């Protein structure tokens, strides 16, 4: 049976941040904890969010790491309880939003966070007691503002997924103005994350025609505007289109992702310094080549349809087009340029085989398949 479900109320426009207080009131938050990071604070965006709240009392946790950890979730949850908060506002990229989702669980549920991880059977343990969350993205990549999942590095260093419909933010405030001036490298890396989401979910064999349509449109928008947004940080139209593509990628990936993400999640746990979106960009060509032999991909002409959305002549051009785009965006040439070495392969593969995205790839990958994909991505 296919489950097709879309829940978040989205405020999407330039200047939408001004609606933050009214959205708090709409969802019943009167004393929020704002979860953010030092970079967002330094850029002045945290203060803009506080200004939008007016005299509404708010606590702030601004220590979200670049890859959210169980330790950060614990610290933020302790602050949430100590300040008597009744809801969360995540202001930042996917790390801040995912950290806030972890807090939504930890502040309202007993036991260690790992107890609620998807691969530990934890999704069913997440209840409607979760703290309400409003998400305000400041990057265009993860789309976590409309997604039911979070990715968090737990205490034993595994990078695990947490998934529940209760974790979907009650409101998403998508204001492209908040992404103006984002550094070129971060714009590129997060933008390729959105591209990967649209591509992977479209290749997934699960039946969800609305997700397919959203993913294809998101891919077309992202591919057409990522280079403009990266080159010119003030191009508001490119920023708007890329933010839409990011949101669409996450709306679509409720259908499922695949080997790109199982590998990225695993490697990101092995070395948390590596950026998730950049890793996705490195893995895409190898995984697309692997998926080209999947029966569902061939039967539905998935690669040809992606090529059309990207303005390419042939499905065979997609892998090289991704590599060329990575180069034009100033991203690394491969995993080797990021410091990844072959002695890590076994650990990466073990994590990928256990990841929640492994089984939703259109073609089930073996240990040797993953090793070949890693070698190709070097």
Protein backbone atom coordinates (compact mmCIF):
# COMPACT_ATOMS: atom_id res chain seq x y z
CA UNK A 1 0.00 0.00 0.00
CA UNK A 2 1.26 3.48 -0.84
CA UNK A 3 0.94 6.13 1.87
CA UNK A 4 0.79 9.63 0.37
CA UNK A 5 0.71 12.34 3.00
CA UNK A 6 1.56 16.07 3.07
CA UNK A 7 1.02 18.05 6.25
CA UNK A 8 3.03 21.24 6.75
CA UNK A 9 1.53 24.71 6.38
CA UNK A 10 4.12 26.69 4.42
CA UNK A 11 4.50 30.46 4.31
CA UNK A 12 6.64 31.07 1.22
CA UNK A 13 7.58 34.62 0.20
CA UNK A 14 10.27 37.22 0.58
CA UNK A 15 9.82 38.83 3.98
CA UNK A 16 7.81 35.92 5.39
CA UNK A 17 9.85 36.02 8.61
CA UNK A 18 7.54 38.81 9.77
CA UNK A 19 4.87 36.11 10.27
CA UNK A 20 6.85 34.25 12.94
CA UNK A 21 4.87 35.52 15.92
CA UNK A 22 1.48 34.94 14.30
CA UNK A 23 2.55 31.41 13.36
CA UNK A 24 3.57 30.77 16.98
CA UNK A 25 0.14 31.92 18.09
CA UNK A 26 -1.56 29.79 15.42
CA UNK A 27 0.12 26.57 16.55
CA UNK A 28 -0.15 27.36 20.29
CA UNK A 29 3.44 28.29 21.16
CA UNK A 30 3.74 31.05 23.76
CA UNK A 31 7.29 30.51 25.08
CA UNK A 32 9.54 29.06 22.36
CA UNK A 33 13.06 27.74 22.47
CA UNK A 34 14.91 28.95 19.37
CA UNK A 35 17.38 26.32 18.15
CA UNK A 36 20.09 27.78 15.92
CA UNK A 37 23.86 27.92 15.47
CA UNK A 38 26.71 30.36 15.88
CA UNK A 39 26.85 31.19 12.16
CA UNK A 40 23.18 32.17 11.98
CA UNK A 41 23.65 34.28 15.09
CA UNK A 42 26.74 35.98 13.66
CA UNK A 43 24.88 36.73 10.41
CA UNK A 44 22.22 38.64 12.36
CA UNK A 45 19.40 36.29 11.38
CA UNK A 46 18.77 35.16 14.96
CA UNK A 47 18.21 38.77 15.99
CA UNK A 48 15.81 39.25 13.08
CA UNK A 49 13.82 36.25 14.33
CA UNK A 50 13.77 37.65 17.87
CA UNK A 51 12.63 41.00 16.50
CA UNK A 52 9.79 39.27 14.65
CA UNK A 53 8.65 37.73 17.94
CA UNK A 54 8.38 41.15 19.57
CA UNK A 55 7.79 40.89 23.31
CA UNK A 56 7.07 37.13 23.22
CA UNK A 57 9.48 35.51 25.73
CA UNK A 58 11.98 33.16 24.08
CA UNK A 59 15.00 31.12 25.12
CA UNK A 60 17.90 30.54 22.73
CA UNK A 61 20.13 27.52 22.11
CA UNK A 62 22.78 28.62 19.60
CA UNK A 63 25.28 25.75 19.87
CA UNK A 64 24.02 23.39 17.15
CA UNK A 65 27.08 21.71 15.55
CA UNK A 66 27.43 21.42 11.78
CA UNK A 67 26.23 17.81 12.10
CA UNK A 68 23.72 17.67 15.00
CA UNK A 69 24.64 15.33 17.83
CA UNK A 70 22.80 13.59 20.63
CA UNK A 71 24.87 15.66 23.09
CA UNK A 72 23.60 18.90 21.54
CA UNK A 73 20.03 17.58 21.66
CA UNK A 74 20.44 16.78 25.36
CA UNK A 75 21.80 20.24 26.14
CA UNK A 76 19.00 21.97 24.23
CA UNK A 77 16.33 19.75 25.80
CA UNK A 78 17.63 20.60 29.28
CA UNK A 79 17.36 24.31 28.43
CA UNK A 80 13.85 23.76 27.03
CA UNK A 81 12.71 22.22 30.31
CA UNK A 82 14.58 24.70 32.54
CA UNK A 83 13.01 27.68 30.75
CA UNK A 84 9.51 26.24 30.78
CA UNK A 85 9.23 26.31 26.99
CA UNK A 86 6.17 25.00 25.19
CA UNK A 87 7.44 24.81 21.61
CA UNK A 88 10.42 25.13 19.31
CA UNK A 89 11.55 27.44 16.53
CA UNK A 90 14.42 26.15 14.39
CA UNK A 91 16.31 28.93 12.61
CA UNK A 92 19.08 27.70 10.34
CA UNK A 93 19.96 24.99 7.88
CA UNK A 94 19.17 21.32 8.11
CA UNK A 95 21.44 20.89 11.14
CA UNK A 96 19.45 23.32 13.29
CA UNK A 97 16.11 21.97 12.11
CA UNK A 98 17.15 18.34 12.70
CA UNK A 99 18.58 19.24 16.11
CA UNK A 100 15.25 20.86 17.00
CA UNK A 101 13.41 17.70 15.94
CA UNK A 102 15.66 15.74 18.27
CA UNK A 103 14.78 18.18 21.06
CA UNK A 104 11.08 17.78 20.23
CA UNK A 105 11.51 14.09 21.07
CA UNK A 106 13.98 14.30 23.96
CA UNK A 107 12.13 17.04 25.84
CA UNK A 108 8.88 15.08 25.86
CA UNK A 109 9.85 11.38 25.82
CA UNK A 110 11.73 9.22 28.31
CA UNK A 111 14.94 7.29 27.66
CA UNK A 112 17.96 7.77 25.39
CA UNK A 113 17.45 9.30 21.95
CA UNK A 114 18.69 6.11 20.26
CA UNK A 115 15.52 4.39 21.54
CA UNK A 116 13.58 6.41 18.95
CA UNK A 117 15.85 5.83 15.93
CA UNK A 118 14.19 4.36 12.86
CA UNK A 119 16.56 1.38 12.47
CA UNK A 120 16.05 0.58 16.17
CA UNK A 121 12.29 0.30 15.62
CA UNK A 122 11.83 3.65 17.28
CA UNK A 123 9.43 5.38 14.89
CA UNK A 124 6.40 3.80 16.57
CA UNK A 125 7.66 5.02 19.96
CA UNK A 126 7.47 8.67 18.92
CA UNK A 127 4.06 9.97 19.99
CA UNK A 128 1.93 13.08 19.65
CA UNK A 129 3.58 14.37 22.83
CA UNK A 130 6.43 15.81 20.72
CA UNK A 131 6.94 19.54 21.17
CA UNK A 132 5.42 21.64 18.35
CA UNK A 133 8.00 22.97 15.91
CA UNK A 134 8.18 25.92 13.53
CA UNK A 135 11.02 25.70 10.99
CA UNK A 136 12.71 28.74 9.44
CA UNK A 137 15.31 27.54 6.89
CA UNK A 138 18.29 29.78 6.13
CA UNK A 139 19.79 27.49 3.48
CA UNK A 140 18.30 25.72 0.47
CA UNK A 141 19.19 22.05 0.59
CA UNK A 142 17.83 19.66 3.18
CA UNK A 143 14.17 20.66 3.04
CA UNK A 144 13.89 19.49 6.64
CA UNK A 145 11.29 22.21 7.19
CA UNK A 146 8.66 20.01 5.50
CA UNK A 147 10.06 16.55 6.27
CA UNK A 148 9.12 13.94 8.85
CA UNK A 149 12.70 12.91 9.58
CA UNK A 150 15.90 14.09 11.23
CA UNK A 151 19.47 12.84 10.96
CA UNK A 152 21.48 12.95 14.20
CA UNK A 153 24.85 11.52 15.26
CA UNK A 154 24.15 9.55 18.43
CA UNK A 155 26.55 8.92 21.29
CA UNK A 156 28.00 5.75 19.75
CA UNK A 157 28.95 7.79 16.64
CA UNK A 158 26.35 6.31 14.31
CA UNK A 159 24.51 8.82 12.09
CA UNK A 160 20.91 7.70 12.49
CA UNK A 161 17.54 8.71 11.10
CA UNK A 162 14.51 9.54 13.25
CA UNK A 163 11.18 9.46 11.42
CA UNK A 164 7.62 10.14 12.47
CA UNK A 165 4.70 12.10 11.06
CA UNK A 166 4.58 13.78 14.47
CA UNK A 167 7.98 15.36 13.72
CA UNK A 168 6.76 17.27 10.68
CA UNK A 169 6.98 20.99 11.56
CA UNK A 170 3.61 22.60 12.24
CA UNK A 171 4.73 25.56 10.16
CA UNK A 172 7.51 26.30 7.68
CA UNK A 173 8.48 29.90 7.06
CA UNK A 174 10.39 29.92 3.77
CA UNK A 175 11.84 33.38 3.27
CA UNK A 176 14.37 33.50 0.40
CA UNK A 177 15.75 36.77 1.77
CA UNK A 178 17.30 34.78 4.63
CA UNK A 179 19.58 33.00 2.14
CA UNK A 180 20.94 36.17 0.48
CA UNK A 181 24.69 36.43 0.93
CA UNK A 182 25.10 32.77 1.91
CA UNK A 183 28.72 31.83 1.05
CA UNK A 184 29.17 30.38 -2.43
CA UNK A 185 30.57 27.04 -1.23
CA UNK A 186 27.66 26.51 1.18
CA UNK A 187 25.14 27.58 -1.47
CA UNK A 188 26.62 25.02 -3.85
CA UNK A 189 26.80 22.19 -1.33
CA UNK A 190 23.28 22.67 0.00
CA UNK A 191 21.93 23.19 -3.50
CA UNK A 192 23.40 19.88 -4.64
CA UNK A 193 21.73 18.29 -1.63
CA UNK A 194 18.40 19.48 -3.05
CA UNK A 195 19.37 18.12 -6.49
CA UNK A 196 20.22 14.76 -4.93
CA UNK A 197 16.90 14.61 -3.09
CA UNK A 198 14.95 15.25 -6.29
CA UNK A 199 16.99 12.73 -8.29
CA UNK A 200 17.03 9.95 -5.73
CA UNK A 201 13.38 10.11 -4.84
CA UNK A 202 12.43 10.14 -8.53
CA UNK A 203 14.51 6.99 -9.11
CA UNK A 204 13.03 5.18 -6.10
CA UNK A 205 10.66 2.39 -7.11
CA UNK A 206 7.94 3.20 -4.57
CA UNK A 207 4.56 4.20 -6.01
CA UNK A 208 3.92 7.89 -5.40
CA UNK A 209 3.07 9.82 -8.59
CA UNK A 210 2.60 13.17 -6.77
CA UNK A 211 6.10 12.82 -5.31
CA UNK A 212 7.49 12.04 -8.77
CA UNK A 213 5.93 15.18 -10.21
CA UNK A 214 7.16 17.36 -7.36
CA UNK A 215 10.66 15.87 -7.64
CA UNK A 216 10.94 16.42 -11.40
CA UNK A 217 9.79 20.03 -11.12
CA UNK A 218 12.17 20.58 -8.21
CA UNK A 219 15.07 19.12 -10.20
CA UNK A 220 14.32 21.42 -13.13
CA UNK A 221 14.26 24.48 -10.82
CA UNK A 222 17.41 23.51 -8.92
CA UNK A 223 19.43 22.61 -12.01
CA UNK A 224 18.49 25.84 -13.78
CA UNK A 225 19.27 28.14 -10.85
CA UNK A 226 21.98 26.61 -8.64
CA UNK A 227 24.86 28.09 -10.62
CA UNK A 228 23.28 31.56 -10.64
CA UNK A 229 22.63 31.42 -6.91
CA UNK A 230 26.18 30.27 -6.22
CA UNK A 231 27.82 32.86 -8.47
CA UNK A 232 25.73 35.82 -7.30
CA UNK A 233 24.68 35.75 -3.65
CA UNK A 234 22.31 38.68 -4.24
CA UNK A 235 20.24 37.06 -7.02
CA UNK A 236 16.90 36.88 -5.21
CA UNK A 237 15.10 35.07 -8.04
CA UNK A 238 17.73 32.32 -8.12
CA UNK A 239 17.50 32.10 -4.33
CA UNK A 240 13.70 31.82 -4.51
CA UNK A 241 13.82 29.04 -7.08
CA UNK A 242 16.50 27.13 -5.17
CA UNK A 243 14.55 27.41 -1.91
CA UNK A 244 11.50 26.03 -3.69
CA UNK A 245 13.53 23.14 -5.10
CA UNK A 246 14.83 22.37 -1.63
CA UNK A 247 11.34 22.32 -0.18
CA UNK A 248 10.07 20.20 -3.09
CA UNK A 249 12.87 17.68 -2.72
CA UNK A 250 11.88 17.03 0.88
CA UNK A 251 8.17 16.92 0.10
CA UNK A 252 9.01 14.29 -2.50
CA UNK A 253 11.47 12.19 -0.52
CA UNK A 254 8.72 10.97 1.76
CA UNK A 255 8.67 8.37 -1.05
CA UNK A 256 12.17 7.19 -0.15
CA UNK A 257 15.79 7.87 -1.07
CA UNK A 258 18.61 5.45 -1.88
CA UNK A 259 22.29 4.62 -2.04
CA UNK A 260 23.49 8.22 -2.31
CA UNK A 261 22.04 8.92 1.11
CA UNK A 262 22.87 5.59 2.71
CA UNK A 263 26.51 6.22 1.78
CA UNK A 264 26.44 9.90 2.80
CA UNK A 265 24.82 9.15 6.14
CA UNK A 266 27.37 6.46 6.89
CA UNK A 267 30.42 8.46 5.82
CA UNK A 268 29.10 11.51 7.65
CA UNK A 269 29.04 9.43 10.83
CA UNK A 270 32.56 8.14 10.22
CA UNK A 271 33.85 11.70 9.68
CA UNK A 272 31.39 14.36 10.94
CA UNK A 273 33.53 17.13 9.44
CA UNK A 274 32.34 16.22 5.94
CA UNK A 275 29.36 18.21 4.61
CA UNK A 276 26.33 16.08 3.79
CA UNK A 277 25.35 17.95 0.63
CA UNK A 278 28.90 17.81 -0.72
CA UNK A 279 29.01 14.05 -0.11
CA UNK A 280 25.73 13.64 -1.99
CA UNK A 281 27.21 15.52 -4.94
CA UNK A 282 30.24 13.18 -4.95
CA UNK A 283 28.12 10.00 -4.85
CA UNK A 284 25.44 10.96 -7.40
CA UNK A 285 27.25 9.95 -10.64
CA UNK A 286 28.22 6.49 -9.35
CA UNK A 287 24.77 5.76 -7.95
CA UNK A 288 23.00 6.98 -11.09
CA UNK A 289 25.15 4.59 -13.15
CA UNK A 290 24.31 1.74 -10.76
CA UNK A 291 20.58 2.55 -10.83
CA UNK A 292 20.51 2.67 -14.63
CA UNK A 293 20.25 -1.13 -14.60
CA UNK A 294 17.25 -1.23 -12.23
CA UNK A 295 14.15 -2.67 -13.92
CA UNK A 296 11.82 0.02 -12.56
CA UNK A 297 14.16 2.79 -13.73
CA UNK A 298 14.34 1.32 -17.23
CA UNK A 299 10.62 0.54 -17.47
CA UNK A 300 9.52 4.05 -16.51
CA UNK A 301 12.33 5.77 -18.43
CA UNK A 302 13.35 7.54 -15.23
CA UNK A 303 16.77 8.66 -16.38
CA UNK A 304 15.47 9.99 -19.69
CA UNK A 305 12.86 12.03 -17.84
CA UNK A 306 15.50 13.43 -15.49
CA UNK A 307 17.71 14.32 -18.45
CA UNK A 308 14.83 16.22 -20.02
CA UNK A 309 14.28 18.20 -16.80
CA UNK A 310 17.99 19.05 -16.78
CA UNK A 311 18.02 20.16 -20.42
CA UNK A 312 20.31 17.30 -21.48
CA UNK A 313 20.17 15.37 -24.73
CA UNK A 314 20.49 11.89 -23.28
CA UNK A 315 20.21 9.93 -20.04
CA UNK A 316 23.81 8.88 -20.64
CA UNK A 317 24.86 12.50 -20.13
CA UNK A 318 23.57 12.83 -16.54
CA UNK A 319 26.61 11.52 -14.67
CA UNK A 320 29.07 13.71 -16.54
CA UNK A 321 26.72 16.69 -16.24
CA UNK A 322 26.71 16.31 -12.46
CA UNK A 323 30.51 16.10 -12.40
CA UNK A 324 30.76 19.18 -14.60
CA UNK A 325 28.31 21.08 -12.40
CA UNK A 326 30.27 20.13 -9.28
CA UNK A 327 33.41 21.53 -10.89
CA UNK A 328 31.73 24.77 -11.97
CA UNK A 329 30.35 25.23 -8.46
CA UNK A 330 33.80 24.83 -6.93
CA UNK A 331 33.03 21.56 -5.15
CA UNK A 332 35.69 18.85 -4.68
CA UNK A 333 36.59 16.56 -7.56
CA UNK A 334 35.85 13.43 -5.52
CA UNK A 335 36.02 11.78 -2.11
CA UNK A 336 39.82 11.62 -2.27
CA UNK A 337 39.99 15.41 -2.45
CA UNK A 338 37.89 15.48 0.74
CA UNK A 339 40.39 13.32 2.60
CA UNK A 340 38.53 10.01 2.35
CA UNK A 341 40.82 6.96 2.11
CA UNK A 342 40.15 3.39 1.03
CA UNK A 343 40.88 2.00 4.48
CA UNK A 344 37.53 3.52 5.56
CA UNK A 345 35.52 1.62 2.95
CA UNK A 346 34.51 -1.36 5.10
CA UNK A 347 33.24 0.90 7.89
CA UNK A 348 31.34 3.08 5.42
CA UNK A 349 29.76 0.07 3.70
CA UNK A 350 28.68 -1.49 6.99
CA UNK A 351 26.89 1.72 7.90
CA UNK A 352 25.33 2.07 4.47
CA UNK A 353 23.95 -1.47 4.55
CA UNK A 354 22.24 -0.69 7.87
CA UNK A 355 20.94 2.75 6.86
CA UNK A 356 17.22 3.37 6.46
CA UNK A 357 17.75 4.56 2.84
CA UNK A 358 19.45 1.33 1.73
CA UNK A 359 16.28 -0.65 1.01
CA UNK A 360 14.44 2.11 -0.89
CA UNK A 361 17.04 2.31 -3.65
CA UNK A 362 15.49 0.99 -6.89
CA UNK A 363 18.18 -1.69 -7.07
CA UNK A 364 19.33 -3.40 -3.86
CA UNK A 365 23.07 -2.88 -3.46
CA UNK A 366 25.42 -5.57 -2.19
CA UNK A 367 28.62 -5.08 -0.22
CA UNK A 368 30.62 -5.30 -3.45
CA UNK A 369 28.26 -2.88 -5.21
CA UNK A 370 28.87 -0.29 -2.49
CA UNK A 371 32.63 -0.84 -2.71
CA UNK A 372 32.50 -0.20 -6.46
CA UNK A 373 30.42 2.96 -5.96
CA UNK A 374 32.88 4.24 -3.36
CA UNK A 375 35.83 3.55 -5.66
CA UNK A 376 34.10 5.35 -8.52
CA UNK A 377 33.37 8.37 -6.29
CA UNK A 378 37.01 8.74 -5.19
